[in-house]
Amino acid sequence: MNKYELALVLNAKVEDDVRTAALEKAKGYIARYGGTITNVDEWGKKKLAYEIQKMREGYYYFIQFEADATCPAELERHVRIMDNVLRYLIVRPEA
């Protein structure tokens, strides 16, 4: 099992329940492909470095998880097409 981190930037203009549903959907994909979530950091609404889809703010989440090497590719395949996701990044932090 490798350690990974998913950085997720969601649309800040949608309601809280829609944003929570998108977060739960991403967490569900991690679990579906054999991953175990170890920590979820919610940074809240932050100003973006540059405008994305005519939006200046995004809602930031950082999800640490452990999974096999195939999980990040499958997770990226699903997160890429999710509604309300402005940006995402899956990294393997150095130990």
PDB file of N, CA and C in Angstrom:
ATOM      1  N   MET A   1       0.838  -1.187   0.000  1.00  0.00           N
ATOM      2  CA  MET A   1       0.000   0.000   0.000  1.00  0.00           C
ATOM      3  C   MET A   1       0.884   1.253   0.000  1.00  0.00           C
ATOM      4  N   ASN A   2       0.596   2.147  -0.918  1.00  0.00           N
ATOM      5  CA  ASN A   2       1.316   3.415  -1.027  1.00  0.00           C
ATOM      6  C   ASN A   2       0.457   4.533  -0.454  1.00  0.00           C
ATOM      7  N   LYS A   3       1.113   5.590   0.002  1.00  0.00           N
ATOM      8  CA  LYS A   3       0.393   6.759   0.516  1.00  0.00           C
ATOM      9  C   LYS A   3       0.251   7.773  -0.604  1.00  0.00           C
ATOM     10  N   TYR A   4      -0.951   8.353  -0.693  1.00  0.00           N
ATOM     11  CA  TYR A   4      -1.250   9.355  -1.709  1.00  0.00           C
ATOM     12  C   TYR A   4      -2.010  10.509  -1.080  1.00  0.00           C
ATOM     13  N   GLU A   5      -2.056  11.628  -1.811  1.00  0.00           N
ATOM     14  CA  GLU A   5      -2.863  12.766  -1.389  1.00  0.00           C
ATOM     15  C   GLU A   5      -3.608  13.307  -2.607  1.00  0.00           C
ATOM     16  N   LEU A   6      -4.903  13.501  -2.435  1.00  0.00           N
ATOM     17  CA  LEU A   6      -5.749  14.087  -3.476  1.00  0.00           C
ATOM     18  C   LEU A   6      -6.070  15.514  -3.071  1.00  0.00           C
ATOM     19  N   ALA A   7      -5.652  16.466  -3.884  1.00  0.00           N
ATOM     20  CA  ALA A   7      -6.020  17.864  -3.687  1.00  0.00           C
ATOM     21  C   ALA A   7      -7.197  18.139  -4.614  1.00  0.00           C
ATOM     22  N   LEU A   8      -8.284  18.618  -4.037  1.00  0.00           N
ATOM     23  CA  LEU A   8      -9.518  18.789  -4.786  1.00  0.00           C
ATOM     24  C   LEU A   8      -9.996  20.227  -4.615  1.00  0.00           C
ATOM     25  N   VAL A   9     -10.221  20.927  -5.720  1.00  0.00           N
ATOM     26  CA  VAL A   9     -10.752  22.290  -5.691  1.00  0.00           C
ATOM     27  C   VAL A   9     -12.141  22.239  -6.311  1.00  0.00           C
ATOM     28  N   LEU A  10     -13.144  22.548  -5.492  1.00  0.00           N
ATOM     29  CA  LEU A  10     -14.533  22.489  -5.934  1.00  0.00           C
ATOM     30  C   LEU A  10     -15.086  23.883  -6.156  1.00  0.00           C
ATOM     31  N   ASN A  11     -16.125  23.952  -6.946  1.00  0.00           N
ATOM     32  CA  ASN A  11     -16.819  25.199  -7.231  1.00  0.00           C
ATOM     33  C   ASN A  11     -17.348  25.801  -5.922  1.00  0.00           C
ATOM     34  N   ALA A  12     -16.999  27.041  -5.621  1.00  0.00           N
ATOM     35  CA  ALA A  12     -17.429  27.682  -4.382  1.00  0.00           C
ATOM     36  C   ALA A  12     -18.825  28.278  -4.494  1.00  0.00           C
ATOM     37  N   LYS A  13     -19.385  28.329  -5.691  1.00  0.00           N
ATOM     38  CA  LYS A  13     -20.691  28.961  -5.875  1.00  0.00           C
ATOM     39  C   LYS A  13     -21.862  28.004  -5.639  1.00  0.00           C
ATOM     40  N   VAL A  14     -21.603  26.710  -5.515  1.00  0.00           N
ATOM     41  CA  VAL A  14     -22.697  25.757  -5.294  1.00  0.00           C
ATOM     42  C   VAL A  14     -23.008  25.658  -3.798  1.00  0.00           C
ATOM     43  N   GLU A  15     -24.178  25.105  -3.491  1.00  0.00           N
ATOM     44  CA  GLU A  15     -24.592  24.982  -2.088  1.00  0.00           C
ATOM     45  C   GLU A  15     -23.751  23.944  -1.355  1.00  0.00           C
ATOM     46  N   ASP A  16     -23.810  23.995  -0.021  1.00  0.00           N
ATOM     47  CA  ASP A  16     -23.011  23.106   0.808  1.00  0.00           C
ATOM     48  C   ASP A  16     -23.340  21.641   0.573  1.00  0.00           C
ATOM     49  N   ASP A  17     -24.610  21.310   0.400  1.00  0.00           N
ATOM     50  CA  ASP A  17     -24.974  19.901   0.222  1.00  0.00           C
ATOM     51  C   ASP A  17     -24.451  19.347  -1.105  1.00  0.00           C
ATOM     52  N   VAL A  18     -24.416  20.165  -2.145  1.00  0.00           N
ATOM     53  CA  VAL A  18     -23.874  19.734  -3.441  1.00  0.00           C
ATOM     54  C   VAL A  18     -22.364  19.528  -3.325  1.00  0.00           C
ATOM     55  N   ARG A  19     -21.702  20.439  -2.628  1.00  0.00           N
ATOM     56  CA  ARG A  19     -20.250  20.331  -2.424  1.00  0.00           C
ATOM     57  C   ARG A  19     -19.917  19.099  -1.582  1.00  0.00           C
ATOM     58  N   THR A  20     -20.705  18.850  -0.542  1.00  0.00           N
ATOM     59  CA  THR A  20     -20.501  17.675   0.301  1.00  0.00           C
ATOM     60  C   THR A  20     -20.724  16.396  -0.492  1.00  0.00           C
ATOM     61  N   ALA A  21     -21.722  16.385  -1.360  1.00  0.00           N
ATOM     62  CA  ALA A  21     -21.996  15.213  -2.195  1.00  0.00           C
ATOM     63  C   ALA A  21     -20.822  14.926  -3.131  1.00  0.00           C
ATOM     64  N   ALA A  22     -20.219  15.961  -3.699  1.00  0.00           N
ATOM     65  CA  ALA A  22     -19.065  15.774  -4.587  1.00  0.00           C
ATOM     66  C   ALA A  22     -17.872  15.222  -3.810  1.00  0.00           C
ATOM     67  N   LEU A  23     -17.675  15.703  -2.587  1.00  0.00           N
ATOM     68  CA  LEU A  23     -16.587  15.196  -1.754  1.00  0.00           C
ATOM     69  C   LEU A  23     -16.818  13.734  -1.408  1.00  0.00           C
ATOM     70  N   GLU A  24     -18.037  13.383  -1.031  1.00  0.00           N
ATOM     71  CA  GLU A  24     -18.361  12.001  -0.689  1.00  0.00           C
ATOM     72  C   GLU A  24     -18.217  11.079  -1.901  1.00  0.00           C
ATOM     73  N   LYS A  25     -18.532  11.593  -3.071  1.00  0.00           N
ATOM     74  CA  LYS A  25     -18.385  10.817  -4.299  1.00  0.00           C
ATOM     75  C   LYS A  25     -16.913  10.499  -4.548  1.00  0.00           C
ATOM     76  N   ALA A  26     -16.042  11.481  -4.355  1.00  0.00           N
ATOM     77  CA  ALA A  26     -14.602  11.269  -4.527  1.00  0.00           C
ATOM     78  C   ALA A  26     -14.087  10.270  -3.498  1.00  0.00           C
ATOM     79  N   LYS A  27     -14.543  10.390  -2.255  1.00  0.00           N
ATOM     80  CA  LYS A  27     -14.142   9.443  -1.216  1.00  0.00           C
ATOM     81  C   LYS A  27     -14.653   8.045  -1.527  1.00  0.00           C
ATOM     82  N   GLY A  28     -15.825   7.959  -2.124  1.00  0.00           N
ATOM     83  CA  GLY A  28     -16.381   6.672  -2.522  1.00  0.00           C
ATOM     84  C   GLY A  28     -15.549   5.995  -3.599  1.00  0.00           C
ATOM     85  N   TYR A  29     -15.024   6.788  -4.537  1.00  0.00           N
ATOM     86  CA  TYR A  29     -14.156   6.227  -5.572  1.00  0.00           C
ATOM     87  C   TYR A  29     -12.878   5.661  -4.969  1.00  0.00           C
ATOM     88  N   ILE A  30     -12.338   6.335  -3.963  1.00  0.00           N
ATOM     89  CA  ILE A  30     -11.135   5.831  -3.294  1.00  0.00           C
ATOM     90  C   ILE A  30     -11.434   4.480  -2.651  1.00  0.00           C
ATOM     91  N   ALA A  31     -12.554   4.398  -1.955  1.00  0.00           N
ATOM     92  CA  ALA A  31     -12.931   3.142  -1.295  1.00  0.00           C
ATOM     93  C   ALA A  31     -13.230   2.047  -2.318  1.00  0.00           C
ATOM     94  N   ARG A  32     -13.852   2.410  -3.424  1.00  0.00           N
ATOM     95  CA  ARG A  32     -14.221   1.425  -4.448  1.00  0.00           C
ATOM     96  C   ARG A  32     -12.995   0.725  -5.022  1.00  0.00           C
ATOM     97  N   TYR A  33     -11.900   1.456  -5.169  1.00  0.00           N
ATOM     98  CA  TYR A  33     -10.698   0.879  -5.760  1.00  0.00           C
ATOM     99  C   TYR A  33      -9.689   0.426  -4.703  1.00  0.00           C
ATOM    100  N   GLY A  34     -10.165   0.101  -3.520  1.00  0.00           N
ATOM    101  CA  GLY A  34      -9.332  -0.529  -2.497  1.00  0.00           C
ATOM    102  C   GLY A  34      -8.508   0.416  -1.649  1.00  0.00           C
ATOM    103  N   GLY A  35      -8.820   1.689  -1.668  1.00  0.00           N
ATOM    104  CA  GLY A  35      -8.071   2.649  -0.869  1.00  0.00           C
ATOM    105  C   GLY A  35      -8.669   2.830   0.517  1.00  0.00           C
ATOM    106  N   THR A  36      -7.839   3.291   1.444  1.00  0.00           N
ATOM    107  CA  THR A  36      -8.268   3.583   2.811  1.00  0.00           C
ATOM    108  C   THR A  36      -7.955   5.040   3.104  1.00  0.00           C
ATOM    109  N   ILE A  37      -8.969   5.822   3.430  1.00  0.00           N
ATOM    110  CA  ILE A  37      -8.783   7.243   3.715  1.00  0.00           C
ATOM    111  C   ILE A  37      -8.231   7.393   5.125  1.00  0.00           C
ATOM    112  N   THR A  38      -7.125   8.128   5.256  1.00  0.00           N
ATOM    113  CA  THR A  38      -6.504   8.326   6.556  1.00  0.00           C
ATOM    114  C   THR A  38      -6.790   9.701   7.137  1.00  0.00           C
ATOM    115  N   ASN A  39      -6.997  10.717   6.272  1.00  0.00           N
ATOM    116  CA  ASN A  39      -7.236  12.069   6.781  1.00  0.00           C
ATOM    117  C   ASN A  39      -7.894  12.914   5.692  1.00  0.00           C
ATOM    118  N   VAL A  40      -8.800  13.798   6.120  1.00  0.00           N
ATOM    119  CA  VAL A  40      -9.430  14.748   5.202  1.00  0.00           C
ATOM    120  C   VAL A  40      -9.270  16.142   5.805  1.00  0.00           C
ATOM    121  N   ASP A  41      -8.571  17.010   5.096  1.00  0.00           N
ATOM    122  CA  ASP A  41      -8.400  18.404   5.520  1.00  0.00           C
ATOM    123  C   ASP A  41      -9.296  19.283   4.672  1.00  0.00           C
ATOM    124  N   GLU A  42     -10.130  20.066   5.325  1.00  0.00           N
ATOM    125  CA  GLU A  42     -10.987  21.020   4.621  1.00  0.00           C
ATOM    126  C   GLU A  42     -10.428  22.408   4.862  1.00  0.00           C
ATOM    127  N   TRP A  43      -9.897  23.015   3.815  1.00  0.00           N
ATOM    128  CA  TRP A  43      -9.319  24.344   3.941  1.00  0.00           C
ATOM    129  C   TRP A  43     -10.354  25.432   3.763  1.00  0.00           C
ATOM    130  N   GLY A  44     -11.469  25.102   3.175  1.00  0.00           N
ATOM    131  CA  GLY A  44     -12.526  26.084   2.988  1.00  0.00           C
ATOM    132  C   GLY A  44     -12.354  26.884   1.711  1.00  0.00           C
ATOM    133  N   LYS A  45     -13.051  28.006   1.662  1.00  0.00           N
ATOM    134  CA  LYS A  45     -13.058  28.857   0.466  1.00  0.00           C
ATOM    135  C   LYS A  45     -11.799  29.715   0.434  1.00  0.00           C
ATOM    136  N   LYS A  46     -11.081  29.631  -0.681  1.00  0.00           N
ATOM    137  CA  LYS A  46      -9.857  30.403  -0.880  1.00  0.00           C
ATOM    138  C   LYS A  46      -9.889  31.053  -2.256  1.00  0.00           C
ATOM    139  N   LYS A  47      -9.162  32.126  -2.385  1.00  0.00           N
ATOM    140  CA  LYS A  47      -9.039  32.795  -3.670  1.00  0.00           C
ATOM    141  C   LYS A  47      -8.098  31.990  -4.558  1.00  0.00           C
ATOM    142  N   LEU A  48      -8.491  31.821  -5.817  1.00  0.00           N
ATOM    143  CA  LEU A  48      -7.667  31.088  -6.772  1.00  0.00           C
ATOM    144  C   LEU A  48      -6.532  31.977  -7.272  1.00  0.00           C
ATOM    145  N   ALA A  49      -5.444  31.363  -7.669  1.00  0.00           N
ATOM    146  CA  ALA A  49      -4.305  32.114  -8.190  1.00  0.00           C
ATOM    147  C   ALA A  49      -4.647  32.784  -9.518  1.00  0.00           C
ATOM    148  N   TYR A  50      -5.523  32.147 -10.279  1.00  0.00           N
ATOM    149  CA  TYR A  50      -5.977  32.704 -11.543  1.00  0.00           C
ATOM    150  C   TYR A  50      -7.409  32.247 -11.777  1.00  0.00           C
ATOM    151  N   GLU A  51      -8.085  32.932 -12.647  1.00  0.00           N
ATOM    152  CA  GLU A  51      -9.495  32.649 -12.908  1.00  0.00           C
ATOM    153  C   GLU A  51      -9.652  31.314 -13.648  1.00  0.00           C
ATOM    154  N   ILE A  52     -10.570  30.477 -13.151  1.00  0.00           N
ATOM    155  CA  ILE A  52     -10.877  29.185 -13.766  1.00  0.00           C
ATOM    156  C   ILE A  52     -12.371  29.158 -14.041  1.00  0.00           C
ATOM    157  N   GLN A  53     -12.756  28.980 -15.272  1.00  0.00           N
ATOM    158  CA  GLN A  53     -14.160  28.940 -15.676  1.00  0.00           C
ATOM    159  C   GLN A  53     -14.934  30.150 -15.144  1.00  0.00           C
ATOM    160  N   LYS A  54     -14.323  31.307 -15.248  1.00  0.00           N
ATOM    161  CA  LYS A  54     -14.888  32.588 -14.814  1.00  0.00           C
ATOM    162  C   LYS A  54     -15.173  32.635 -13.309  1.00  0.00           C
ATOM    163  N   MET A  55     -14.440  31.862 -12.531  1.00  0.00           N
ATOM    164  CA  MET A  55     -14.573  31.876 -11.069  1.00  0.00           C
ATOM    165  C   MET A  55     -13.253  32.301 -10.447  1.00  0.00           C
ATOM    166  N   ARG A  56     -13.350  33.060  -9.385  1.00  0.00           N
ATOM    167  CA  ARG A  56     -12.165  33.555  -8.702  1.00  0.00           C
ATOM    168  C   ARG A  56     -11.910  32.865  -7.365  1.00  0.00           C
ATOM    169  N   GLU A  57     -12.878  32.062  -6.887  1.00  0.00           N
ATOM    170  CA  GLU A  57     -12.726  31.360  -5.614  1.00  0.00           C
ATOM    171  C   GLU A  57     -13.052  29.883  -5.782  1.00  0.00           C
ATOM    172  N   GLY A  58     -12.430  29.076  -4.941  1.00  0.00           N
ATOM    173  CA  GLY A  58     -12.683  27.650  -4.949  1.00  0.00           C
ATOM    174  C   GLY A  58     -12.696  27.118  -3.527  1.00  0.00           C
ATOM    175  N   TYR A  59     -13.270  25.957  -3.349  1.00  0.00           N
ATOM    176  CA  TYR A  59     -13.349  25.313  -2.038  1.00  0.00           C
ATOM    177  C   TYR A  59     -12.339  24.171  -2.036  1.00  0.00           C
ATOM    178  N   TYR A  60     -11.371  24.226  -1.119  1.00  0.00           N
ATOM    179  CA  TYR A  60     -10.236  23.311  -1.134  1.00  0.00           C
ATOM    180  C   TYR A  60     -10.403  22.164  -0.147  1.00  0.00           C
ATOM    181  N   TYR A  61     -10.086  20.945  -0.619  1.00  0.00           N
ATOM    182  CA  TYR A  61     -10.040  19.753   0.227  1.00  0.00           C
ATOM    183  C   TYR A  61      -8.750  19.006  -0.083  1.00  0.00           C
ATOM    184  N   PHE A  62      -8.163  18.415   0.954  1.00  0.00           N
ATOM    185  CA  PHE A  62      -6.985  17.565   0.807  1.00  0.00           C
ATOM    186  C   PHE A  62      -7.283  16.238   1.485  1.00  0.00           C
ATOM    187  N   ILE A  63      -7.266  15.162   0.699  1.00  0.00           N
ATOM    188  CA  ILE A  63      -7.617  13.838   1.203  1.00  0.00           C
ATOM    189  C   ILE A  63      -6.370  12.957   1.144  1.00  0.00           C
ATOM    190  N   GLN A  64      -5.893  12.514   2.313  1.00  0.00           N
ATOM    191  CA  GLN A  64      -4.784  11.573   2.356  1.00  0.00           C
ATOM    192  C   GLN A  64      -5.370  10.161   2.397  1.00  0.00           C
ATOM    193  N   PHE A  65      -4.780   9.265   1.603  1.00  0.00           N
ATOM    194  CA  PHE A  65      -5.265   7.890   1.581  1.00  0.00           C
ATOM    195  C   PHE A  65      -4.142   6.929   1.234  1.00  0.00           C
ATOM    196  N   GLU A  66      -4.368   5.670   1.571  1.00  0.00           N
ATOM    197  CA  GLU A  66      -3.440   4.597   1.235  1.00  0.00           C
ATOM    198  C   GLU A  66      -4.131   3.679   0.252  1.00  0.00           C
ATOM    199  N   ALA A  67      -3.407   3.275  -0.794  1.00  0.00           N
ATOM    200  CA  ALA A  67      -4.014   2.437  -1.822  1.00  0.00           C
ATOM    201  C   ALA A  67      -2.934   1.737  -2.626  1.00  0.00           C
ATOM    202  N   ASP A  68      -3.374   0.796  -3.451  1.00  0.00           N
ATOM    203  CA  ASP A  68      -2.470   0.127  -4.381  1.00  0.00           C
ATOM    204  C   ASP A  68      -2.102   1.102  -5.494  1.00  0.00           C
ATOM    205  N   ALA A  69      -1.134   0.713  -6.296  1.00  0.00           N
ATOM    206  CA  ALA A  69      -0.631   1.589  -7.358  1.00  0.00           C
ATOM    207  C   ALA A  69      -1.657   1.846  -8.462  1.00  0.00           C
ATOM    208  N   THR A  70      -2.678   1.002  -8.598  1.00  0.00           N
ATOM    209  CA  THR A  70      -3.666   1.194  -9.659  1.00  0.00           C
ATOM    210  C   THR A  70      -4.759   2.185  -9.277  1.00  0.00           C
ATOM    211  N   CYS A  71      -4.944   2.443  -8.011  1.00  0.00           N
ATOM    212  CA  CYS A  71      -6.031   3.300  -7.532  1.00  0.00           C
ATOM    213  C   CYS A  71      -5.955   4.739  -8.053  1.00  0.00           C
ATOM    214  N   PRO A  72      -4.802   5.411  -8.021  1.00  0.00           N
ATOM    215  CA  PRO A  72      -4.778   6.807  -8.491  1.00  0.00           C
ATOM    216  C   PRO A  72      -5.224   6.990  -9.937  1.00  0.00           C
ATOM    217  N   ALA A  73      -4.871   6.076 -10.814  1.00  0.00           N
ATOM    218  CA  ALA A  73      -5.277   6.202 -12.211  1.00  0.00           C
ATOM    219  C   ALA A  73      -6.786   6.054 -12.353  1.00  0.00           C
ATOM    220  N   GLU A  74      -7.369   5.103 -11.629  1.00  0.00           N
ATOM    221  CA  GLU A  74      -8.817   4.913 -11.671  1.00  0.00           C
ATOM    222  C   GLU A  74      -9.536   6.104 -11.047  1.00  0.00           C
ATOM    223  N   LEU A  75      -9.003   6.603  -9.941  1.00  0.00           N
ATOM    224  CA  LEU A  75      -9.591   7.763  -9.268  1.00  0.00           C
ATOM    225  C   LEU A  75      -9.563   8.982 -10.187  1.00  0.00           C
ATOM    226  N   GLU A  76      -8.439   9.208 -10.841  1.00  0.00           N
ATOM    227  CA  GLU A  76      -8.318  10.347 -11.755  1.00  0.00           C
ATOM    228  C   GLU A  76      -9.301  10.236 -12.911  1.00  0.00           C
ATOM    229  N   ARG A  77      -9.505   9.018 -13.399  1.00  0.00           N
ATOM    230  CA  ARG A  77     -10.434   8.799 -14.509  1.00  0.00           C
ATOM    231  C   ARG A  77     -11.848   9.244 -14.154  1.00  0.00           C
ATOM    232  N   HIS A  78     -12.247   9.061 -12.902  1.00  0.00           N
ATOM    233  CA  HIS A  78     -13.587   9.449 -12.471  1.00  0.00           C
ATOM    234  C   HIS A  78     -13.673  10.919 -12.048  1.00  0.00           C
ATOM    235  N   VAL A  79     -12.670  11.386 -11.318  1.00  0.00           N
ATOM    236  CA  VAL A  79     -12.703  12.774 -10.820  1.00  0.00           C
ATOM    237  C   VAL A  79     -12.642  13.766 -11.976  1.00  0.00           C
ATOM    238  N   ARG A  80     -11.956  13.393 -13.040  1.00  0.00           N
ATOM    239  CA  ARG A  80     -11.807  14.265 -14.207  1.00  0.00           C
ATOM    240  C   ARG A  80     -13.144  14.698 -14.789  1.00  0.00           C
ATOM    241  N   ILE A  81     -14.159  13.827 -14.736  1.00  0.00           N
ATOM    242  CA  ILE A  81     -15.441  14.144 -15.366  1.00  0.00           C
ATOM    243  C   ILE A  81     -16.523  14.538 -14.364  1.00  0.00           C
ATOM    244  N   MET A  82     -16.164  14.688 -13.092  1.00  0.00           N
ATOM    245  CA  MET A  82     -17.152  15.072 -12.079  1.00  0.00           C
ATOM    246  C   MET A  82     -17.561  16.543 -12.249  1.00  0.00           C
ATOM    247  N   ASP A  83     -18.845  16.801 -12.023  1.00  0.00           N
ATOM    248  CA  ASP A  83     -19.328  18.177 -12.025  1.00  0.00           C
ATOM    249  C   ASP A  83     -18.790  18.902 -10.800  1.00  0.00           C
ATOM    250  N   ASN A  84     -18.642  20.196 -10.892  1.00  0.00           N
ATOM    251  CA  ASN A  84     -18.236  21.082  -9.807  1.00  0.00           C
ATOM    252  C   ASN A  84     -16.784  20.915  -9.372  1.00  0.00           C
ATOM    253  N   VAL A  85     -15.980  20.096 -10.049  1.00  0.00           N
ATOM    254  CA  VAL A  85     -14.553  19.988  -9.746  1.00  0.00           C
ATOM    255  C   VAL A  85     -13.815  20.929 -10.687  1.00  0.00           C
ATOM    256  N   LEU A  86     -13.177  21.948 -10.110  1.00  0.00           N
ATOM    257  CA  LEU A  86     -12.419  22.900 -10.925  1.00  0.00           C
ATOM    258  C   LEU A  86     -11.029  22.358 -11.248  1.00  0.00           C
ATOM    259  N   ARG A  87     -10.340  21.846 -10.221  1.00  0.00           N
ATOM    260  CA  ARG A  87      -9.003  21.281 -10.390  1.00  0.00           C
ATOM    261  C   ARG A  87      -8.830  20.138  -9.396  1.00  0.00           C
ATOM    262  N   TYR A  88      -7.924  19.230  -9.735  1.00  0.00           N
ATOM    263  CA  TYR A  88      -7.580  18.121  -8.850  1.00  0.00           C
ATOM    264  C   TYR A  88      -6.130  17.764  -9.101  1.00  0.00           C
ATOM    265  N   LEU A  89      -5.516  17.125  -8.129  1.00  0.00           N
ATOM    266  CA  LEU A  89      -4.140  16.653  -8.277  1.00  0.00           C
ATOM    267  C   LEU A  89      -3.925  15.505  -7.302  1.00  0.00           C
ATOM    268  N   ILE A  90      -3.413  14.405  -7.810  1.00  0.00           N
ATOM    269  CA  ILE A  90      -3.094  13.257  -6.974  1.00  0.00           C
ATOM    270  C   ILE A  90      -1.581  13.149  -6.933  1.00  0.00           C
ATOM    271  N   VAL A  91      -1.006  13.190  -5.734  1.00  0.00           N
ATOM    272  CA  VAL A  91       0.448  13.107  -5.578  1.00  0.00           C
ATOM    273  C   VAL A  91       0.784  12.002  -4.574  1.00  0.00           C
ATOM    274  N   ARG A  92       2.003  11.543  -4.676  1.00  0.00           N
ATOM    275  CA  ARG A  92       2.525  10.578  -3.713  1.00  0.00           C
ATOM    276  C   ARG A  92       3.570  11.321  -2.892  1.00  0.00           C
ATOM    277  N   PRO A  93       3.220  11.720  -1.662  1.00  0.00           N
ATOM    278  CA  PRO A  93       4.158  12.535  -0.870  1.00  0.00           C
ATOM    279  C   PRO A  93       5.418  11.747  -0.495  1.00  0.00           C
ATOM    280  N   GLU A  94       6.513  12.472  -0.388  1.00  0.00           N
ATOM    281  CA  GLU A  94       7.771  11.842   0.027  1.00  0.00           C
ATOM    282  C   GLU A  94       7.714  11.517   1.506  1.00  0.00           C
ATOM    283  N   ALA A  95       8.251  10.373   1.863  1.00  0.00           N
ATOM    284  CA  ALA A  95       8.182   9.915   3.251  1.00  0.00           C
ATOM    285  C   ALA A  95       9.139  10.622   4.148  1.00  0.00           C
TER     286      ALA A  95
END
